[in-house]
Amino acid sequence: MFIRVEVDGSAASDPAVAKQLAAVCPVDIFDDDAGRVRIVDDNLDECILCALCLDAAPPGAVRVIKRYDGDKLLEAALHR
């Protein structure tokens, strides 16, 4: 896997955020697990860096980190 995804604790426990992240991700990295965000580790290698999760979550709540060089993808740089 070339990325790691982190979701802020308050966003991860927000049912609206869980539902939205599960709906927008084209490769099903996020699952709405009874109103909590669950990262589907088996799907992380499918990430296309589309930034839909960054747009769907509150600012700074989702972080996508490239594993191969340690650089955090900046949310502002990926927003359209």
PDB file of N, CA and C in Angstrom:
ATOM      1  N   MET A   1       0.839  -1.182   0.000  1.00  0.00           N
ATOM      2  CA  MET A   1       0.000   0.000   0.000  1.00  0.00           C
ATOM      3  C   MET A   1       0.879   1.238   0.000  1.00  0.00           C
ATOM      4  N   PHE A   2       0.526   2.170  -0.841  1.00  0.00           N
ATOM      5  CA  PHE A   2       1.352   3.364  -0.936  1.00  0.00           C
ATOM      6  C   PHE A   2       0.811   4.529  -0.120  1.00  0.00           C
ATOM      7  N   ILE A   3      -0.363   4.365   0.498  1.00  0.00           N
ATOM      8  CA  ILE A   3      -0.912   5.442   1.322  1.00  0.00           C
ATOM      9  C   ILE A   3      -1.407   4.900   2.659  1.00  0.00           C
ATOM     10  N   ARG A   4      -1.588   5.827   3.565  1.00  0.00           N
ATOM     11  CA  ARG A   4      -2.283   5.571   4.820  1.00  0.00           C
ATOM     12  C   ARG A   4      -3.350   6.661   4.925  1.00  0.00           C
ATOM     13  N   VAL A   5      -4.510   6.313   5.439  1.00  0.00           N
ATOM     14  CA  VAL A   5      -5.599   7.285   5.604  1.00  0.00           C
ATOM     15  C   VAL A   5      -5.930   7.377   7.082  1.00  0.00           C
ATOM     16  N   GLU A   6      -6.054   8.602   7.566  1.00  0.00           N
ATOM     17  CA  GLU A   6      -6.419   8.843   8.956  1.00  0.00           C
ATOM     18  C   GLU A   6      -7.663   9.732   8.989  1.00  0.00           C
ATOM     19  N   VAL A   7      -8.545   9.447   9.939  1.00  0.00           N
ATOM     20  CA  VAL A   7      -9.744  10.267  10.131  1.00  0.00           C
ATOM     21  C   VAL A   7      -9.747  10.733  11.580  1.00  0.00           C
ATOM     22  N   ASP A   8      -9.878  12.039  11.775  1.00  0.00           N
ATOM     23  CA  ASP A   8      -9.932  12.650  13.098  1.00  0.00           C
ATOM     24  C   ASP A   8     -11.014  11.972  13.930  1.00  0.00           C
ATOM     25  N   GLY A   9     -10.756  11.786  15.224  1.00  0.00           N
ATOM     26  CA  GLY A   9     -11.668  11.079  16.117  1.00  0.00           C
ATOM     27  C   GLY A   9     -13.083  11.621  16.147  1.00  0.00           C
ATOM     28  N   SER A  10     -13.242  12.947  16.201  1.00  0.00           N
ATOM     29  CA  SER A  10     -14.595  13.507  16.262  1.00  0.00           C
ATOM     30  C   SER A  10     -15.334  13.299  14.941  1.00  0.00           C
ATOM     31  N   ALA A  11     -14.633  13.378  13.836  1.00  0.00           N
ATOM     32  CA  ALA A  11     -15.264  13.132  12.533  1.00  0.00           C
ATOM     33  C   ALA A  11     -15.572  11.656  12.360  1.00  0.00           C
ATOM     34  N   ALA A  12     -14.688  10.800  12.841  1.00  0.00           N
ATOM     35  CA  ALA A  12     -14.868   9.354  12.698  1.00  0.00           C
ATOM     36  C   ALA A  12     -16.104   8.859  13.439  1.00  0.00           C
ATOM     37  N   SER A  13     -16.510   9.569  14.475  1.00  0.00           N
ATOM     38  CA  SER A  13     -17.683   9.149  15.249  1.00  0.00           C
ATOM     39  C   SER A  13     -18.948   9.919  14.875  1.00  0.00           C
ATOM     40  N   ASP A  14     -18.880  10.723  13.832  1.00  0.00           N
ATOM     41  CA  ASP A  14     -20.027  11.498  13.376  1.00  0.00           C
ATOM     42  C   ASP A  14     -20.771  10.701  12.299  1.00  0.00           C
ATOM     43  N   PRO A  15     -22.020  10.290  12.572  1.00  0.00           N
ATOM     44  CA  PRO A  15     -22.762   9.482  11.605  1.00  0.00           C
ATOM     45  C   PRO A  15     -22.910  10.133  10.224  1.00  0.00           C
ATOM     46  N   ALA A  16     -23.050  11.451  10.190  1.00  0.00           N
ATOM     47  CA  ALA A  16     -23.189  12.138   8.902  1.00  0.00           C
ATOM     48  C   ALA A  16     -21.898  12.052   8.094  1.00  0.00           C
ATOM     49  N   VAL A  17     -20.771  12.200   8.760  1.00  0.00           N
ATOM     50  CA  VAL A  17     -19.475  12.094   8.082  1.00  0.00           C
ATOM     51  C   VAL A  17     -19.249  10.664   7.609  1.00  0.00           C
ATOM     52  N   ALA A  18     -19.574   9.690   8.449  1.00  0.00           N
ATOM     53  CA  ALA A  18     -19.414   8.281   8.073  1.00  0.00           C
ATOM     54  C   ALA A  18     -20.222   7.966   6.819  1.00  0.00           C
ATOM     55  N   LYS A  19     -21.457   8.435   6.794  1.00  0.00           N
ATOM     56  CA  LYS A  19     -22.324   8.189   5.644  1.00  0.00           C
ATOM     57  C   LYS A  19     -21.776   8.862   4.388  1.00  0.00           C
ATOM     58  N   GLN A  20     -21.325  10.090   4.529  1.00  0.00           N
ATOM     59  CA  GLN A  20     -20.821  10.849   3.382  1.00  0.00           C
ATOM     60  C   GLN A  20     -19.533  10.242   2.821  1.00  0.00           C
ATOM     61  N   LEU A  21     -18.592   9.881   3.691  1.00  0.00           N
ATOM     62  CA  LEU A  21     -17.340   9.291   3.221  1.00  0.00           C
ATOM     63  C   LEU A  21     -17.586   7.961   2.517  1.00  0.00           C
ATOM     64  N   ALA A  22     -18.467   7.152   3.082  1.00  0.00           N
ATOM     65  CA  ALA A  22     -18.786   5.868   2.455  1.00  0.00           C
ATOM     66  C   ALA A  22     -19.424   6.086   1.079  1.00  0.00           C
ATOM     67  N   ALA A  23     -20.199   7.147   0.936  1.00  0.00           N
ATOM     68  CA  ALA A  23     -20.890   7.405  -0.327  1.00  0.00           C
ATOM     69  C   ALA A  23     -19.971   7.963  -1.414  1.00  0.00           C
ATOM     70  N   VAL A  24     -19.003   8.791  -1.046  1.00  0.00           N
ATOM     71  CA  VAL A  24     -18.214   9.490  -2.076  1.00  0.00           C
ATOM     72  C   VAL A  24     -16.994   8.723  -2.577  1.00  0.00           C
ATOM     73  N   CYS A  25     -16.465   7.813  -1.803  1.00  0.00           N
ATOM     74  CA  CYS A  25     -15.220   7.150  -2.193  1.00  0.00           C
ATOM     75  C   CYS A  25     -15.473   6.156  -3.342  1.00  0.00           C
ATOM     76  N   PRO A  26     -14.847   6.382  -4.491  1.00  0.00           N
ATOM     77  CA  PRO A  26     -15.085   5.502  -5.631  1.00  0.00           C
ATOM     78  C   PRO A  26     -14.470   4.107  -5.484  1.00  0.00           C
ATOM     79  N   VAL A  27     -13.583   3.929  -4.518  1.00  0.00           N
ATOM     80  CA  VAL A  27     -12.933   2.617  -4.347  1.00  0.00           C
ATOM     81  C   VAL A  27     -13.210   2.021  -2.971  1.00  0.00           C
ATOM     82  N   ASP A  28     -14.223   2.532  -2.302  1.00  0.00           N
ATOM     83  CA  ASP A  28     -14.729   1.967  -1.044  1.00  0.00           C
ATOM     84  C   ASP A  28     -13.681   1.825   0.069  1.00  0.00           C
ATOM     85  N   ILE A  29     -12.915   2.882   0.269  1.00  0.00           N
ATOM     86  CA  ILE A  29     -11.945   2.899   1.365  1.00  0.00           C
ATOM     87  C   ILE A  29     -12.648   3.133   2.702  1.00  0.00           C
ATOM     88  N   PHE A  30     -13.795   3.826   2.663  1.00  0.00           N
ATOM     89  CA  PHE A  30     -14.518   4.159   3.883  1.00  0.00           C
ATOM     90  C   PHE A  30     -15.799   3.340   3.970  1.00  0.00           C
ATOM     91  N   ASP A  31     -16.111   2.895   5.182  1.00  0.00           N
ATOM     92  CA  ASP A  31     -17.349   2.164   5.427  1.00  0.00           C
ATOM     93  C   ASP A  31     -18.073   2.848   6.578  1.00  0.00           C
ATOM     94  N   ASP A  32     -19.382   2.943   6.455  1.00  0.00           N
ATOM     95  CA  ASP A  32     -20.220   3.462   7.535  1.00  0.00           C
ATOM     96  C   ASP A  32     -20.562   2.273   8.423  1.00  0.00           C
ATOM     97  N   ASP A  33     -19.870   2.171   9.532  1.00  0.00           N
ATOM     98  CA  ASP A  33     -20.029   1.052  10.460  1.00  0.00           C
ATOM     99  C   ASP A  33     -20.887   1.505  11.639  1.00  0.00           C
ATOM    100  N   ALA A  34     -22.202   1.444  11.455  1.00  0.00           N
ATOM    101  CA  ALA A  34     -23.160   1.852  12.486  1.00  0.00           C
ATOM    102  C   ALA A  34     -22.918   3.295  12.959  1.00  0.00           C
ATOM    103  N   GLY A  35     -22.690   4.194  11.984  1.00  0.00           N
ATOM    104  CA  GLY A  35     -22.515   5.599  12.317  1.00  0.00           C
ATOM    105  C   GLY A  35     -21.094   6.004  12.644  1.00  0.00           C
ATOM    106  N   ARG A  36     -20.152   5.107  12.467  1.00  0.00           N
ATOM    107  CA  ARG A  36     -18.731   5.404  12.682  1.00  0.00           C
ATOM    108  C   ARG A  36     -17.972   5.109  11.398  1.00  0.00           C
ATOM    109  N   VAL A  37     -16.948   5.910  11.133  1.00  0.00           N
ATOM    110  CA  VAL A  37     -16.112   5.678   9.958  1.00  0.00           C
ATOM    111  C   VAL A  37     -15.184   4.506  10.234  1.00  0.00           C
ATOM    112  N   ARG A  38     -15.187   3.551   9.319  1.00  0.00           N
ATOM    113  CA  ARG A  38     -14.234   2.439   9.378  1.00  0.00           C
ATOM    114  C   ARG A  38     -13.431   2.471   8.093  1.00  0.00           C
ATOM    115  N   ILE A  39     -12.095   2.432   8.228  1.00  0.00           N
ATOM    116  CA  ILE A  39     -11.210   2.374   7.070  1.00  0.00           C
ATOM    117  C   ILE A  39     -11.128   0.912   6.625  1.00  0.00           C
ATOM    118  N   VAL A  40     -11.348   0.675   5.347  1.00  0.00           N
ATOM    119  CA  VAL A  40     -11.267  -0.667   4.783  1.00  0.00           C
ATOM    120  C   VAL A  40      -9.843  -0.852   4.264  1.00  0.00           C
ATOM    121  N   ASP A  41      -8.990  -1.404   5.107  1.00  0.00           N
ATOM    122  CA  ASP A  41      -7.567  -1.534   4.789  1.00  0.00           C
ATOM    123  C   ASP A  41      -7.312  -2.276   3.481  1.00  0.00           C
ATOM    124  N   ASP A  42      -8.125  -3.268   3.180  1.00  0.00           N
ATOM    125  CA  ASP A  42      -7.929  -4.055   1.961  1.00  0.00           C
ATOM    126  C   ASP A  42      -8.116  -3.223   0.692  1.00  0.00           C
ATOM    127  N   ASN A  43      -8.767  -2.066   0.801  1.00  0.00           N
ATOM    128  CA  ASN A  43      -9.017  -1.231  -0.373  1.00  0.00           C
ATOM    129  C   ASN A  43      -8.054  -0.054  -0.501  1.00  0.00           C
ATOM    130  N   LEU A  44      -7.182   0.155   0.465  1.00  0.00           N
ATOM    131  CA  LEU A  44      -6.291   1.317   0.432  1.00  0.00           C
ATOM    132  C   LEU A  44      -5.414   1.354  -0.818  1.00  0.00           C
ATOM    133  N   ASP A  45      -5.000   0.184  -1.301  1.00  0.00           N
ATOM    134  CA  ASP A  45      -4.128   0.169  -2.479  1.00  0.00           C
ATOM    135  C   ASP A  45      -4.876   0.551  -3.758  1.00  0.00           C
ATOM    136  N   GLU A  46      -6.195   0.722  -3.670  1.00  0.00           N
ATOM    137  CA  GLU A  46      -6.993   1.136  -4.823  1.00  0.00           C
ATOM    138  C   GLU A  46      -7.154   2.654  -4.905  1.00  0.00           C
ATOM    139  N   CYS A  47      -6.704   3.384  -3.894  1.00  0.00           N
ATOM    140  CA  CYS A  47      -6.887   4.838  -3.845  1.00  0.00           C
ATOM    141  C   CYS A  47      -6.331   5.497  -5.099  1.00  0.00           C
ATOM    142  N   ILE A  48      -7.124   6.412  -5.673  1.00  0.00           N
ATOM    143  CA  ILE A  48      -6.709   7.129  -6.878  1.00  0.00           C
ATOM    144  C   ILE A  48      -6.382   8.597  -6.576  1.00  0.00           C
ATOM    145  N   LEU A  49      -6.308   8.946  -5.302  1.00  0.00           N
ATOM    146  CA  LEU A  49      -5.973  10.304  -4.857  1.00  0.00           C
ATOM    147  C   LEU A  49      -6.903  11.354  -5.472  1.00  0.00           C
ATOM    148  N   CYS A  50      -8.181  11.024  -5.512  1.00  0.00           N
ATOM    149  CA  CYS A  50      -9.167  11.919  -6.119  1.00  0.00           C
ATOM    150  C   CYS A  50      -9.541  13.097  -5.224  1.00  0.00           C
ATOM    151  N   ALA A  51      -9.307  12.979  -3.928  1.00  0.00           N
ATOM    152  CA  ALA A  51      -9.583  14.017  -2.926  1.00  0.00           C
ATOM    153  C   ALA A  51     -11.064  14.193  -2.610  1.00  0.00           C
ATOM    154  N   LEU A  52     -11.927  13.299  -3.081  1.00  0.00           N
ATOM    155  CA  LEU A  52     -13.346  13.411  -2.753  1.00  0.00           C
ATOM    156  C   LEU A  52     -13.579  13.293  -1.252  1.00  0.00           C
ATOM    157  N   CYS A  53     -12.786  12.469  -0.576  1.00  0.00           N
ATOM    158  CA  CYS A  53     -12.926  12.326   0.875  1.00  0.00           C
ATOM    159  C   CYS A  53     -12.549  13.619   1.593  1.00  0.00           C
ATOM    160  N   LEU A  54     -11.550  14.320   1.072  1.00  0.00           N
ATOM    161  CA  LEU A  54     -11.138  15.585   1.683  1.00  0.00           C
ATOM    162  C   LEU A  54     -12.232  16.637   1.541  1.00  0.00           C
ATOM    163  N   ASP A  55     -12.911  16.619   0.395  1.00  0.00           N
ATOM    164  CA  ASP A  55     -13.996  17.565   0.157  1.00  0.00           C
ATOM    165  C   ASP A  55     -15.240  17.229   0.978  1.00  0.00           C
ATOM    166  N   ALA A  56     -15.469  15.937   1.240  1.00  0.00           N
ATOM    167  CA  ALA A  56     -16.684  15.493   1.924  1.00  0.00           C
ATOM    168  C   ALA A  56     -16.623  15.651   3.436  1.00  0.00           C
ATOM    169  N   ALA A  57     -15.439  15.669   3.987  1.00  0.00           N
ATOM    170  CA  ALA A  57     -15.267  15.727   5.443  1.00  0.00           C
ATOM    171  C   ALA A  57     -15.000  17.165   5.890  1.00  0.00           C
ATOM    172  N   PRO A  58     -15.188  17.430   7.177  1.00  0.00           N
ATOM    173  CA  PRO A  58     -14.828  18.755   7.698  1.00  0.00           C
ATOM    174  C   PRO A  58     -13.341  19.028   7.434  1.00  0.00           C
ATOM    175  N   PRO A  59     -12.970  20.295   7.262  1.00  0.00           N
ATOM    176  CA  PRO A  59     -11.575  20.634   6.973  1.00  0.00           C
ATOM    177  C   PRO A  59     -10.607  20.015   7.981  1.00  0.00           C
ATOM    178  N   GLY A  60      -9.597  19.326   7.466  1.00  0.00           N
ATOM    179  CA  GLY A  60      -8.563  18.723   8.297  1.00  0.00           C
ATOM    180  C   GLY A  60      -8.941  17.401   8.941  1.00  0.00           C
ATOM    181  N   ALA A  61     -10.167  16.935   8.740  1.00  0.00           N
ATOM    182  CA  ALA A  61     -10.615  15.710   9.407  1.00  0.00           C
ATOM    183  C   ALA A  61     -10.063  14.441   8.776  1.00  0.00           C
ATOM    184  N   VAL A  62      -9.801  14.473   7.472  1.00  0.00           N
ATOM    185  CA  VAL A  62      -9.243  13.315   6.771  1.00  0.00           C
ATOM    186  C   VAL A  62      -7.855  13.681   6.284  1.00  0.00           C
ATOM    187  N   ARG A  63      -6.922  12.775   6.515  1.00  0.00           N
ATOM    188  CA  ARG A  63      -5.561  12.959   6.044  1.00  0.00           C
ATOM    189  C   ARG A  63      -5.157  11.741   5.214  1.00  0.00           C
ATOM    190  N   VAL A  64      -4.571  12.033   4.046  1.00  0.00           N
ATOM    191  CA  VAL A  64      -4.049  10.978   3.182  1.00  0.00           C
ATOM    192  C   VAL A  64      -2.537  11.147   3.175  1.00  0.00           C
ATOM    193  N   ILE A  65      -1.835  10.119   3.612  1.00  0.00           N
ATOM    194  CA  ILE A  65      -0.383  10.207   3.768  1.00  0.00           C
ATOM    195  C   ILE A  65       0.279   9.192   2.847  1.00  0.00           C
ATOM    196  N   LYS A  66       1.166   9.686   2.010  1.00  0.00           N
ATOM    197  CA  LYS A  66       1.917   8.797   1.123  1.00  0.00           C
ATOM    198  C   LYS A  66       2.932   8.036   1.962  1.00  0.00           C
ATOM    199  N   ARG A  67       2.923   6.731   1.861  1.00  0.00           N
ATOM    200  CA  ARG A  67       3.848   5.915   2.641  1.00  0.00           C
ATOM    201  C   ARG A  67       5.262   5.914   2.073  1.00  0.00           C
ATOM    202  N   TYR A  68       5.395   6.021   0.778  1.00  0.00           N
ATOM    203  CA  TYR A  68       6.709   5.838   0.172  1.00  0.00           C
ATOM    204  C   TYR A  68       7.675   6.979   0.408  1.00  0.00           C
ATOM    205  N   ASP A  69       7.163   8.179   0.738  1.00  0.00           N
ATOM    206  CA  ASP A  69       8.093   9.260   1.049  1.00  0.00           C
ATOM    207  C   ASP A  69       7.725  10.029   2.301  1.00  0.00           C
ATOM    208  N   GLY A  70       6.623   9.654   2.953  1.00  0.00           N
ATOM    209  CA  GLY A  70       6.258  10.286   4.213  1.00  0.00           C
ATOM    210  C   GLY A  70       5.610  11.641   4.099  1.00  0.00           C
ATOM    211  N   ASP A  71       5.439  12.165   2.896  1.00  0.00           N
ATOM    212  CA  ASP A  71       4.825  13.472   2.735  1.00  0.00           C
ATOM    213  C   ASP A  71       3.316  13.388   2.904  1.00  0.00           C
ATOM    214  N   LYS A  72       2.779  14.276   3.701  1.00  0.00           N
ATOM    215  CA  LYS A  72       1.325  14.359   3.844  1.00  0.00           C
ATOM    216  C   LYS A  72       0.793  15.109   2.636  1.00  0.00           C
ATOM    217  N   LEU A  73      -0.268  14.598   2.049  1.00  0.00           N
ATOM    218  CA  LEU A  73      -0.942  15.328   0.984  1.00  0.00           C
ATOM    219  C   LEU A  73      -1.736  16.447   1.643  1.00  0.00           C
ATOM    220  N   LEU A  74      -1.436  17.650   1.299  1.00  0.00           N
ATOM    221  CA  LEU A  74      -2.092  18.782   1.940  1.00  0.00           C
ATOM    222  C   LEU A  74      -3.512  18.929   1.428  1.00  0.00           C
ATOM    223  N   GLU A  75      -4.459  19.011   2.356  1.00  0.00           N
ATOM    224  CA  GLU A  75      -5.859  19.102   2.005  1.00  0.00           C
ATOM    225  C   GLU A  75      -6.110  20.295   1.089  1.00  0.00           C
ATOM    226  N   ALA A  76      -5.524  21.443   1.392  1.00  0.00           N
ATOM    227  CA  ALA A  76      -5.753  22.639   0.593  1.00  0.00           C
ATOM    228  C   ALA A  76      -5.230  22.470  -0.827  1.00  0.00           C
ATOM    229  N   ALA A  77      -4.131  21.765  -0.992  1.00  0.00           N
ATOM    230  CA  ALA A  77      -3.541  21.574  -2.318  1.00  0.00           C
ATOM    231  C   ALA A  77      -4.406  20.659  -3.181  1.00  0.00           C
ATOM    232  N   LEU A  78      -5.175  19.786  -2.566  1.00  0.00           N
ATOM    233  CA  LEU A  78      -6.001  18.866  -3.331  1.00  0.00           C
ATOM    234  C   LEU A  78      -7.417  19.376  -3.558  1.00  0.00           C
ATOM    235  N   HIS A  79      -7.836  20.365  -2.806  1.00  0.00           N
ATOM    236  CA  HIS A  79      -9.191  20.894  -2.995  1.00  0.00           C
ATOM    237  C   HIS A  79      -9.277  21.627  -4.325  1.00  0.00           C
ATOM    238  N   ARG A  80     -10.404  21.447  -4.957  1.00  0.00           N
ATOM    239  CA  ARG A  80     -10.617  22.106  -6.249  1.00  0.00           C
ATOM    240  C   ARG A  80     -11.322  23.421  -6.063  1.00  0.00           C
TER     241      ARG A  80
END
